[in-house]
């Protein structure tokens, strides 16, 4: 195995481990939100972990782990002096109540 392959494997393992921990920690929070009648939730992206949370590997793993919950990174325009400024969030949604 080349150094490049080892590094890629290490990165993938780190992201998948992070996704597993995230899914386990967020599941009770989602139940709480659902009990309040909500059907989606947004999380601020911490700059320190943004490269992990926005990774397609992370998104795919969390989508698998939270069966049926859609996980995606969304951009929301914010009101500021700069009209084109957008903030990114990790959004988890489980459909509207008519589904």
PDB file of N, CA and C in Angstrom:
ATOM      1  N   UNK A   1       0.845  -1.171   0.000  1.00  0.00           N
ATOM      2  CA  UNK A   1       0.000   0.000   0.000  1.00  0.00           C
ATOM      3  C   UNK A   1       0.897   1.242   0.000  1.00  0.00           C
ATOM      4  N   UNK A   2       0.585   2.162  -0.899  1.00  0.00           N
ATOM      5  CA  UNK A   2       1.385   3.382  -0.997  1.00  0.00           C
ATOM      6  C   UNK A   2       1.036   4.327   0.157  1.00  0.00           C
ATOM      7  N   UNK A   3       1.881   5.314   0.352  1.00  0.00           N
ATOM      8  CA  UNK A   3       1.624   6.310   1.379  1.00  0.00           C
ATOM      9  C   UNK A   3       0.309   7.025   1.091  1.00  0.00           C
ATOM     10  N   UNK A   4       0.085   7.352  -0.172  1.00  0.00           N
ATOM     11  CA  UNK A   4      -1.153   8.029  -0.560  1.00  0.00           C
ATOM     12  C   UNK A   4      -2.367   7.192  -0.164  1.00  0.00           C
ATOM     13  N   UNK A   5      -2.335   5.918  -0.441  1.00  0.00           N
ATOM     14  CA  UNK A   5      -3.451   5.026  -0.103  1.00  0.00           C
ATOM     15  C   UNK A   5      -3.658   4.944   1.411  1.00  0.00           C
ATOM     16  N   UNK A   6      -2.552   4.904   2.153  1.00  0.00           N
ATOM     17  CA  UNK A   6      -2.653   4.860   3.620  1.00  0.00           C
ATOM     18  C   UNK A   6      -3.290   6.132   4.157  1.00  0.00           C
ATOM     19  N   UNK A   7      -2.881   7.262   3.607  1.00  0.00           N
ATOM     20  CA  UNK A   7      -3.433   8.539   4.050  1.00  0.00           C
ATOM     21  C   UNK A   7      -4.920   8.654   3.705  1.00  0.00           C
ATOM     22  N   UNK A   8      -5.284   8.227   2.509  1.00  0.00           N
ATOM     23  CA  UNK A   8      -6.685   8.252   2.107  1.00  0.00           C
ATOM     24  C   UNK A   8      -7.536   7.344   2.995  1.00  0.00           C
ATOM     25  N   UNK A   9      -7.001   6.174   3.312  1.00  0.00           N
ATOM     26  CA  UNK A   9      -7.714   5.236   4.178  1.00  0.00           C
ATOM     27  C   UNK A   9      -7.898   5.843   5.568  1.00  0.00           C
ATOM     28  N   UNK A  10      -6.867   6.484   6.081  1.00  0.00           N
ATOM     29  CA  UNK A  10      -6.932   7.111   7.399  1.00  0.00           C
ATOM     30  C   UNK A  10      -7.976   8.231   7.411  1.00  0.00           C
ATOM     31  N   UNK A  11      -7.978   9.047   6.369  1.00  0.00           N
ATOM     32  CA  UNK A  11      -8.966  10.126   6.261  1.00  0.00           C
ATOM     33  C   UNK A  11     -10.385   9.564   6.206  1.00  0.00           C
ATOM     34  N   UNK A  12     -10.597   8.558   5.384  1.00  0.00           N
ATOM     35  CA  UNK A  12     -11.923   7.931   5.257  1.00  0.00           C
ATOM     36  C   UNK A  12     -12.373   7.360   6.600  1.00  0.00           C
ATOM     37  N   UNK A  13     -11.490   6.654   7.291  1.00  0.00           N
ATOM     38  CA  UNK A  13     -11.829   6.065   8.589  1.00  0.00           C
ATOM     39  C   UNK A  13     -12.202   7.143   9.606  1.00  0.00           C
ATOM     40  N   UNK A  14     -11.462   8.239   9.609  1.00  0.00           N
ATOM     41  CA  UNK A  14     -11.735   9.345  10.529  1.00  0.00           C
ATOM     42  C   UNK A  14     -13.108   9.942  10.254  1.00  0.00           C
ATOM     43  N   UNK A  15     -13.413  10.166   8.988  1.00  0.00           N
ATOM     44  CA  UNK A  15     -14.707  10.752   8.613  1.00  0.00           C
ATOM     45  C   UNK A  15     -15.845   9.798   8.952  1.00  0.00           C
ATOM     46  N   UNK A  16     -15.673   8.514   8.683  1.00  0.00           N
ATOM     47  CA  UNK A  16     -16.720   7.527   8.988  1.00  0.00           C
ATOM     48  C   UNK A  16     -16.935   7.399  10.494  1.00  0.00           C
ATOM     49  N   UNK A  17     -15.862   7.443  11.284  1.00  0.00           N
ATOM     50  CA  UNK A  17     -15.993   7.407  12.748  1.00  0.00           C
ATOM     51  C   UNK A  17     -16.735   8.637  13.249  1.00  0.00           C
ATOM     52  N   UNK A  18     -16.421   9.787  12.692  1.00  0.00           N
ATOM     53  CA  UNK A  18     -17.085  11.037  13.071  1.00  0.00           C
ATOM     54  C   UNK A  18     -18.574  10.946  12.741  1.00  0.00           C
ATOM     55  N   UNK A  19     -18.890  10.386  11.577  1.00  0.00           N
ATOM     56  CA  UNK A  19     -20.284  10.234  11.154  1.00  0.00           C
ATOM     57  C   UNK A  19     -21.049   9.321  12.110  1.00  0.00           C
ATOM     58  N   UNK A  20     -20.419   8.247  12.543  1.00  0.00           N
ATOM     59  CA  UNK A  20     -21.062   7.318  13.478  1.00  0.00           C
ATOM     60  C   UNK A  20     -21.348   8.003  14.812  1.00  0.00           C
ATOM     61  N   UNK A  21     -20.373   8.721  15.337  1.00  0.00           N
ATOM     62  CA  UNK A  21     -20.577   9.441  16.599  1.00  0.00           C
ATOM     63  C   UNK A  21     -21.664  10.507  16.460  1.00  0.00           C
ATOM     64  N   UNK A  22     -21.636  11.232  15.342  1.00  0.00           N
ATOM     65  CA  UNK A  22     -22.634  12.261  15.097  1.00  0.00           C
ATOM     66  C   UNK A  22     -24.030  11.653  15.054  1.00  0.00           C
ATOM     67  N   UNK A  23     -24.199  10.569  14.299  1.00  0.00           N
ATOM     68  CA  UNK A  23     -25.510   9.939  14.156  1.00  0.00           C
ATOM     69  C   UNK A  23     -26.038   9.460  15.506  1.00  0.00           C
ATOM     70  N   UNK A  24     -25.189   8.860  16.308  1.00  0.00           N
ATOM     71  CA  UNK A  24     -25.604   8.376  17.630  1.00  0.00           C
ATOM     72  C   UNK A  24     -26.007   9.534  18.538  1.00  0.00           C
ATOM     73  N   UNK A  25     -25.285  10.629  18.484  1.00  0.00           N
ATOM     74  CA  UNK A  25     -25.570  11.787  19.337  1.00  0.00           C
ATOM     75  C   UNK A  25     -26.788  12.577  18.881  1.00  0.00           C
ATOM     76  N   UNK A  26     -27.046  12.610  17.579  1.00  0.00           N
ATOM     77  CA  UNK A  26     -28.113  13.452  17.058  1.00  0.00           C
ATOM     78  C   UNK A  26     -29.476  12.755  17.083  1.00  0.00           C
ATOM     79  N   UNK A  27     -29.496  11.457  17.114  1.00  0.00           N
ATOM     80  CA  UNK A  27     -30.774  10.735  17.052  1.00  0.00           C
ATOM     81  C   UNK A  27     -31.749  11.151  18.160  1.00  0.00           C
ATOM     82  N   UNK A  28     -31.322  11.206  19.440  1.00  0.00           N
ATOM     83  CA  UNK A  28     -32.273  11.648  20.469  1.00  0.00           C
ATOM     84  C   UNK A  28     -32.727  13.099  20.273  1.00  0.00           C
ATOM     85  N   UNK A  29     -31.863  13.940  19.727  1.00  0.00           N
ATOM     86  CA  UNK A  29     -32.216  15.336  19.471  1.00  0.00           C
ATOM     87  C   UNK A  29     -33.297  15.410  18.390  1.00  0.00           C
ATOM     88  N   UNK A  30     -33.185  14.546  17.376  1.00  0.00           N
ATOM     89  CA  UNK A  30     -34.187  14.521  16.311  1.00  0.00           C
ATOM     90  C   UNK A  30     -35.544  14.080  16.849  1.00  0.00           C
ATOM     91  N   UNK A  31     -35.548  13.093  17.747  1.00  0.00           N
ATOM     92  CA  UNK A  31     -36.801  12.653  18.362  1.00  0.00           C
ATOM     93  C   UNK A  31     -37.440  13.800  19.142  1.00  0.00           C
ATOM     94  N   UNK A  32     -36.621  14.546  19.835  1.00  0.00           N
ATOM     95  CA  UNK A  32     -37.110  15.691  20.600  1.00  0.00           C
ATOM     96  C   UNK A  32     -37.738  16.736  19.666  1.00  0.00           C
ATOM     97  N   UNK A  33     -37.068  17.001  18.559  1.00  0.00           N
ATOM     98  CA  UNK A  33     -37.595  17.956  17.580  1.00  0.00           C
ATOM     99  C   UNK A  33     -38.898  17.445  16.974  1.00  0.00           C
ATOM    100  N   UNK A  34     -38.963  16.163  16.672  1.00  0.00           N
ATOM    101  CA  UNK A  34     -40.184  15.572  16.111  1.00  0.00           C
ATOM    102  C   UNK A  34     -41.329  15.663  17.121  1.00  0.00           C
ATOM    103  N   UNK A  35     -41.028  15.493  18.393  1.00  0.00           N
ATOM    104  CA  UNK A  35     -42.054  15.617  19.429  1.00  0.00           C
ATOM    105  C   UNK A  35     -42.578  17.043  19.524  1.00  0.00           C
ATOM    106  N   UNK A  36     -41.806  17.992  19.063  1.00  0.00           N
ATOM    107  CA  UNK A  36     -42.231  19.397  19.031  1.00  0.00           C
ATOM    108  C   UNK A  36     -42.920  19.744  17.710  1.00  0.00           C
ATOM    109  N   UNK A  37     -43.174  18.733  16.876  1.00  0.00           N
ATOM    110  CA  UNK A  37     -43.888  18.939  15.625  1.00  0.00           C
ATOM    111  C   UNK A  37     -43.039  19.369  14.456  1.00  0.00           C
ATOM    112  N   UNK A  38     -41.742  19.341  14.609  1.00  0.00           N
ATOM    113  CA  UNK A  38     -40.849  19.774  13.524  1.00  0.00           C
ATOM    114  C   UNK A  38     -40.529  18.601  12.599  1.00  0.00           C
ATOM    115  N   UNK A  39     -40.126  18.929  11.377  1.00  0.00           N
ATOM    116  CA  UNK A  39     -39.770  17.884  10.419  1.00  0.00           C
ATOM    117  C   UNK A  39     -38.385  18.097   9.815  1.00  0.00           C
ATOM    118  N   UNK A  40     -37.655  19.070  10.362  1.00  0.00           N
ATOM    119  CA  UNK A  40     -36.263  19.261   9.942  1.00  0.00           C
ATOM    120  C   UNK A  40     -35.522  20.025  11.018  1.00  0.00           C
ATOM    121  N   UNK A  41     -34.210  19.944  10.908  1.00  0.00           N
ATOM    122  CA  UNK A  41     -33.348  20.612  11.877  1.00  0.00           C
ATOM    123  C   UNK A  41     -32.074  21.039  11.165  1.00  0.00           C
ATOM    124  N   UNK A  42     -31.556  22.196  11.546  1.00  0.00           N
ATOM    125  CA  UNK A  42     -30.312  22.685  10.957  1.00  0.00           C
ATOM    126  C   UNK A  42     -29.258  22.851  12.043  1.00  0.00           C
ATOM    127  N   UNK A  43     -28.033  22.492  11.686  1.00  0.00           N
ATOM    128  CA  UNK A  43     -26.898  22.631  12.588  1.00  0.00           C
ATOM    129  C   UNK A  43     -25.900  23.596  11.976  1.00  0.00           C
ATOM    130  N   UNK A  44     -25.404  24.508  12.784  1.00  0.00           N
ATOM    131  CA  UNK A  44     -24.314  25.377  12.345  1.00  0.00           C
ATOM    132  C   UNK A  44     -23.086  24.531  12.073  1.00  0.00           C
ATOM    133  N   UNK A  45     -22.313  24.930  11.096  1.00  0.00           N
ATOM    134  CA  UNK A  45     -21.080  24.214  10.789  1.00  0.00           C
ATOM    135  C   UNK A  45     -19.920  24.890  11.497  1.00  0.00           C
ATOM    136  N   UNK A  46     -19.281  24.160  12.362  1.00  0.00           N
ATOM    137  CA  UNK A  46     -18.106  24.646  13.073  1.00  0.00           C
ATOM    138  C   UNK A  46     -16.931  24.659  12.091  1.00  0.00           C
ATOM    139  N   UNK A  47     -16.243  25.765  12.000  1.00  0.00           N
ATOM    140  CA  UNK A  47     -15.119  25.879  11.059  1.00  0.00           C
ATOM    141  C   UNK A  47     -14.089  24.766  11.263  1.00  0.00           C
ATOM    142  N   UNK A  48     -13.899  24.363  12.509  1.00  0.00           N
ATOM    143  CA  UNK A  48     -12.898  23.341  12.821  1.00  0.00           C
ATOM    144  C   UNK A  48     -13.234  21.995  12.160  1.00  0.00           C
ATOM    145  N   UNK A  49     -14.528  21.666  12.095  1.00  0.00           N
ATOM    146  CA  UNK A  49     -14.952  20.367  11.563  1.00  0.00           C
ATOM    147  C   UNK A  49     -15.662  20.458  10.219  1.00  0.00           C
ATOM    148  N   UNK A  50     -15.707  21.643   9.655  1.00  0.00           N
ATOM    149  CA  UNK A  50     -16.469  21.856   8.413  1.00  0.00           C
ATOM    150  C   UNK A  50     -15.995  20.937   7.281  1.00  0.00           C
ATOM    151  N   UNK A  51     -14.694  20.731   7.166  1.00  0.00           N
ATOM    152  CA  UNK A  51     -14.162  19.889   6.088  1.00  0.00           C
ATOM    153  C   UNK A  51     -14.625  18.437   6.235  1.00  0.00           C
ATOM    154  N   UNK A  52     -14.913  18.005   7.445  1.00  0.00           N
ATOM    155  CA  UNK A  52     -15.417  16.648   7.671  1.00  0.00           C
ATOM    156  C   UNK A  52     -16.913  16.590   7.385  1.00  0.00           C
ATOM    157  N   UNK A  53     -17.658  17.515   7.974  1.00  0.00           N
ATOM    158  CA  UNK A  53     -19.122  17.493   7.899  1.00  0.00           C
ATOM    159  C   UNK A  53     -19.640  17.741   6.482  1.00  0.00           C
ATOM    160  N   UNK A  54     -18.906  18.468   5.672  1.00  0.00           N
ATOM    161  CA  UNK A  54     -19.337  18.728   4.299  1.00  0.00           C
ATOM    162  C   UNK A  54     -18.817  17.681   3.315  1.00  0.00           C
ATOM    163  N   UNK A  55     -18.062  16.727   3.811  1.00  0.00           N
ATOM    164  CA  UNK A  55     -17.507  15.684   2.957  1.00  0.00           C
ATOM    165  C   UNK A  55     -18.616  14.757   2.439  1.00  0.00           C
ATOM    166  N   UNK A  56     -18.569  14.389   1.160  1.00  0.00           N
ATOM    167  CA  UNK A  56     -19.553  13.430   0.632  1.00  0.00           C
ATOM    168  C   UNK A  56     -19.528  12.097   1.399  1.00  0.00           C
ATOM    169  N   UNK A  57     -18.376  11.717   1.920  1.00  0.00           N
ATOM    170  CA  UNK A  57     -18.267  10.482   2.706  1.00  0.00           C
ATOM    171  C   UNK A  57     -19.105  10.612   3.979  1.00  0.00           C
ATOM    172  N   UNK A  58     -19.006  11.759   4.658  1.00  0.00           N
ATOM    173  CA  UNK A  58     -19.765  12.001   5.886  1.00  0.00           C
ATOM    174  C   UNK A  58     -21.261  12.019   5.582  1.00  0.00           C
ATOM    175  N   UNK A  59     -21.659  12.771   4.573  1.00  0.00           N
ATOM    176  CA  UNK A  59     -23.075  12.895   4.216  1.00  0.00           C
ATOM    177  C   UNK A  59     -23.658  11.522   3.889  1.00  0.00           C
ATOM    178  N   UNK A  60     -22.953  10.767   3.100  1.00  0.00           N
ATOM    179  CA  UNK A  60     -23.420   9.434   2.715  1.00  0.00           C
ATOM    180  C   UNK A  60     -23.534   8.509   3.928  1.00  0.00           C
ATOM    181  N   UNK A  61     -22.526   8.526   4.793  1.00  0.00           N
ATOM    182  CA  UNK A  61     -22.532   7.658   5.977  1.00  0.00           C
ATOM    183  C   UNK A  61     -23.678   8.019   6.917  1.00  0.00           C
ATOM    184  N   UNK A  62     -23.896   9.302   7.156  1.00  0.00           N
ATOM    185  CA  UNK A  62     -24.975   9.714   8.062  1.00  0.00           C
ATOM    186  C   UNK A  62     -26.332   9.405   7.437  1.00  0.00           C
ATOM    187  N   UNK A  63     -26.473   9.587   6.124  1.00  0.00           N
ATOM    188  CA  UNK A  63     -27.723   9.206   5.455  1.00  0.00           C
ATOM    189  C   UNK A  63     -28.026   7.728   5.662  1.00  0.00           C
ATOM    190  N   UNK A  64     -27.017   6.898   5.589  1.00  0.00           N
ATOM    191  CA  UNK A  64     -27.188   5.460   5.817  1.00  0.00           C
ATOM    192  C   UNK A  64     -27.537   5.154   7.264  1.00  0.00           C
ATOM    193  N   UNK A  65     -26.831   5.791   8.188  1.00  0.00           N
ATOM    194  CA  UNK A  65     -27.015   5.517   9.613  1.00  0.00           C
ATOM    195  C   UNK A  65     -28.367   6.008  10.134  1.00  0.00           C
ATOM    196  N   UNK A  66     -28.854   7.116   9.604  1.00  0.00           N
ATOM    197  CA  UNK A  66     -30.142   7.671  10.038  1.00  0.00           C
ATOM    198  C   UNK A  66     -31.209   7.338   8.996  1.00  0.00           C
ATOM    199  N   UNK A  67     -31.424   6.087   8.778  1.00  0.00           N
ATOM    200  CA  UNK A  67     -32.316   5.563   7.753  1.00  0.00           C
ATOM    201  C   UNK A  67     -33.564   6.419   7.534  1.00  0.00           C
ATOM    202  N   UNK A  68     -33.699   6.957   6.334  1.00  0.00           N
ATOM    203  CA  UNK A  68     -34.873   7.731   5.965  1.00  0.00           C
ATOM    204  C   UNK A  68     -34.763   9.217   6.245  1.00  0.00           C
ATOM    205  N   UNK A  69     -33.753   9.634   6.995  1.00  0.00           N
ATOM    206  CA  UNK A  69     -33.550  11.054   7.263  1.00  0.00           C
ATOM    207  C   UNK A  69     -32.622  11.593   6.184  1.00  0.00           C
ATOM    208  N   UNK A  70     -33.040  12.670   5.545  1.00  0.00           N
ATOM    209  CA  UNK A  70     -32.226  13.269   4.488  1.00  0.00           C
ATOM    210  C   UNK A  70     -31.211  14.212   5.123  1.00  0.00           C
ATOM    211  N   UNK A  71     -29.958  14.003   4.817  1.00  0.00           N
ATOM    212  CA  UNK A  71     -28.870  14.818   5.350  1.00  0.00           C
ATOM    213  C   UNK A  71     -28.226  15.549   4.180  1.00  0.00           C
ATOM    214  N   UNK A  72     -28.120  16.874   4.316  1.00  0.00           N
ATOM    215  CA  UNK A  72     -27.525  17.659   3.242  1.00  0.00           C
ATOM    216  C   UNK A  72     -26.959  18.953   3.795  1.00  0.00           C
ATOM    217  N   UNK A  73     -26.042  19.537   3.043  1.00  0.00           N
ATOM    218  CA  UNK A  73     -25.501  20.847   3.379  1.00  0.00           C
ATOM    219  C   UNK A  73     -26.311  21.854   2.571  1.00  0.00           C
ATOM    220  N   UNK A  74     -26.890  22.841   3.267  1.00  0.00           N
ATOM    221  CA  UNK A  74     -27.691  23.864   2.593  1.00  0.00           C
ATOM    222  C   UNK A  74     -27.065  25.233   2.828  1.00  0.00           C
ATOM    223  N   UNK A  75     -27.257  26.108   1.866  1.00  0.00           N
ATOM    224  CA  UNK A  75     -26.781  27.484   1.983  1.00  0.00           C
ATOM    225  C   UNK A  75     -27.991  28.397   2.154  1.00  0.00           C
ATOM    226  N   UNK A  76     -27.898  29.259   3.142  1.00  0.00           N
ATOM    227  CA  UNK A  76     -28.980  30.189   3.434  1.00  0.00           C
ATOM    228  C   UNK A  76     -28.429  31.600   3.341  1.00  0.00           C
ATOM    229  N   UNK A  77     -29.114  32.456   2.593  1.00  0.00           N
ATOM    230  CA  UNK A  77     -28.711  33.862   2.506  1.00  0.00           C
ATOM    231  C   UNK A  77     -28.971  34.523   3.848  1.00  0.00           C
ATOM    232  N   UNK A  78     -28.031  35.321   4.274  1.00  0.00           N
ATOM    233  CA  UNK A  78     -28.182  36.024   5.545  1.00  0.00           C
ATOM    234  C   UNK A  78     -28.326  37.507   5.289  1.00  0.00           C
ATOM    235  N   UNK A  79     -28.991  38.161   6.210  1.00  0.00           N
ATOM    236  CA  UNK A  79     -29.133  39.607   6.097  1.00  0.00           C
ATOM    237  C   UNK A  79     -27.869  40.237   6.656  1.00  0.00           C
ATOM    238  N   UNK A  80     -27.169  40.910   5.792  1.00  0.00           N
ATOM    239  CA  UNK A  80     -25.933  41.564   6.207  1.00  0.00           C
ATOM    240  C   UNK A  80     -25.640  42.706   5.246  1.00  0.00           C
ATOM    241  N   UNK A  81     -24.515  43.311   5.455  1.00  0.00           N
ATOM    242  CA  UNK A  81     -24.104  44.387   4.555  1.00  0.00           C
ATOM    243  C   UNK A  81     -23.776  43.860   3.164  1.00  0.00           C
ATOM    244  N   UNK A  82     -23.447  42.581   3.091  1.00  0.00           N
ATOM    245  CA  UNK A  82     -23.082  41.955   1.827  1.00  0.00           C
ATOM    246  C   UNK A  82     -24.237  41.055   1.384  1.00  0.00           C
ATOM    247  N   UNK A  83     -25.023  41.470   0.402  1.00  0.00           N
ATOM    248  CA  UNK A  83     -26.219  40.732   0.013  1.00  0.00           C
ATOM    249  C   UNK A  83     -25.954  39.318  -0.497  1.00  0.00           C
ATOM    250  N   UNK A  84     -24.774  39.056  -0.969  1.00  0.00           N
ATOM    251  CA  UNK A  84     -24.508  37.729  -1.508  1.00  0.00           C
ATOM    252  C   UNK A  84     -23.910  36.783  -0.460  1.00  0.00           C
ATOM    253  N   UNK A  85     -23.860  37.206   0.796  1.00  0.00           N
ATOM    254  CA  UNK A  85     -23.277  36.376   1.848  1.00  0.00           C
ATOM    255  C   UNK A  85     -24.221  35.225   2.185  1.00  0.00           C
ATOM    256  N   UNK A  86     -23.706  34.017   2.142  1.00  0.00           N
ATOM    257  CA  UNK A  86     -24.503  32.829   2.457  1.00  0.00           C
ATOM    258  C   UNK A  86     -23.829  32.053   3.578  1.00  0.00           C
ATOM    259  N   UNK A  87     -24.641  31.501   4.438  1.00  0.00           N
ATOM    260  CA  UNK A  87     -24.148  30.699   5.545  1.00  0.00           C
ATOM    261  C   UNK A  87     -24.534  29.250   5.271  1.00  0.00           C
ATOM    262  N   UNK A  88     -23.610  28.345   5.553  1.00  0.00           N
ATOM    263  CA  UNK A  88     -23.887  26.926   5.332  1.00  0.00           C
ATOM    264  C   UNK A  88     -24.326  26.257   6.631  1.00  0.00           C
ATOM    265  N   UNK A  89     -25.292  25.350   6.479  1.00  0.00           N
ATOM    266  CA  UNK A  89     -25.796  24.565   7.596  1.00  0.00           C
ATOM    267  C   UNK A  89     -25.856  23.107   7.180  1.00  0.00           C
ATOM    268  N   UNK A  90     -25.785  22.236   8.152  1.00  0.00           N
ATOM    269  CA  UNK A  90     -26.069  20.826   7.925  1.00  0.00           C
ATOM    270  C   UNK A  90     -27.545  20.658   8.263  1.00  0.00           C
ATOM    271  N   UNK A  91     -28.322  20.252   7.282  1.00  0.00           N
ATOM    272  CA  UNK A  91     -29.767  20.114   7.485  1.00  0.00           C
ATOM    273  C   UNK A  91     -30.163  18.657   7.489  1.00  0.00           C
ATOM    274  N   UNK A  92     -30.930  18.273   8.477  1.00  0.00           N
ATOM    275  CA  UNK A  92     -31.495  16.929   8.572  1.00  0.00           C
ATOM    276  C   UNK A  92     -32.996  17.072   8.500  1.00  0.00           C
ATOM    277  N   UNK A  93     -33.626  16.360   7.569  1.00  0.00           N
ATOM    278  CA  UNK A  93     -35.082  16.468   7.411  1.00  0.00           C
ATOM    279  C   UNK A  93     -35.672  15.073   7.253  1.00  0.00           C
ATOM    280  N   UNK A  94     -36.888  14.948   7.731  1.00  0.00           N
ATOM    281  CA  UNK A  94     -37.550  13.648   7.663  1.00  0.00           C
ATOM    282  C   UNK A  94     -38.921  13.782   7.010  1.00  0.00           C
ATOM    283  N   UNK A  95     -39.039  14.754   6.115  1.00  0.00           N
ATOM    284  CA  UNK A  95     -40.259  14.926   5.325  1.00  0.00           C
ATOM    285  C   UNK A  95     -41.336  15.669   6.079  1.00  0.00           C
ATOM    286  N   UNK A  96     -42.324  16.148   5.306  1.00  0.00           N
ATOM    287  CA  UNK A  96     -43.407  16.825   6.001  1.00  0.00           C
ATOM    288  C   UNK A  96     -44.406  15.789   6.508  1.00  0.00           C
ATOM    289  N   UNK A  97     -45.342  16.224   7.283  1.00  0.00           N
ATOM    290  CA  UNK A  97     -46.252  15.310   7.951  1.00  0.00           C
ATOM    291  C   UNK A  97     -47.255  14.648   6.995  1.00  0.00           C
ATOM    292  N   UNK A  98     -47.298  15.091   5.740  1.00  0.00           N
ATOM    293  CA  UNK A  98     -48.201  14.492   4.752  1.00  0.00           C
ATOM    294  C   UNK A  98     -47.578  13.306   4.035  1.00  0.00           C
ATOM    295  N   UNK A  99     -46.289  13.067   4.254  1.00  0.00           N
ATOM    296  CA  UNK A  99     -45.598  11.930   3.575  1.00  0.00           C
ATOM    297  C   UNK A  99     -46.036  10.607   4.156  1.00  0.00           C
TER     298      UNK A  99
END
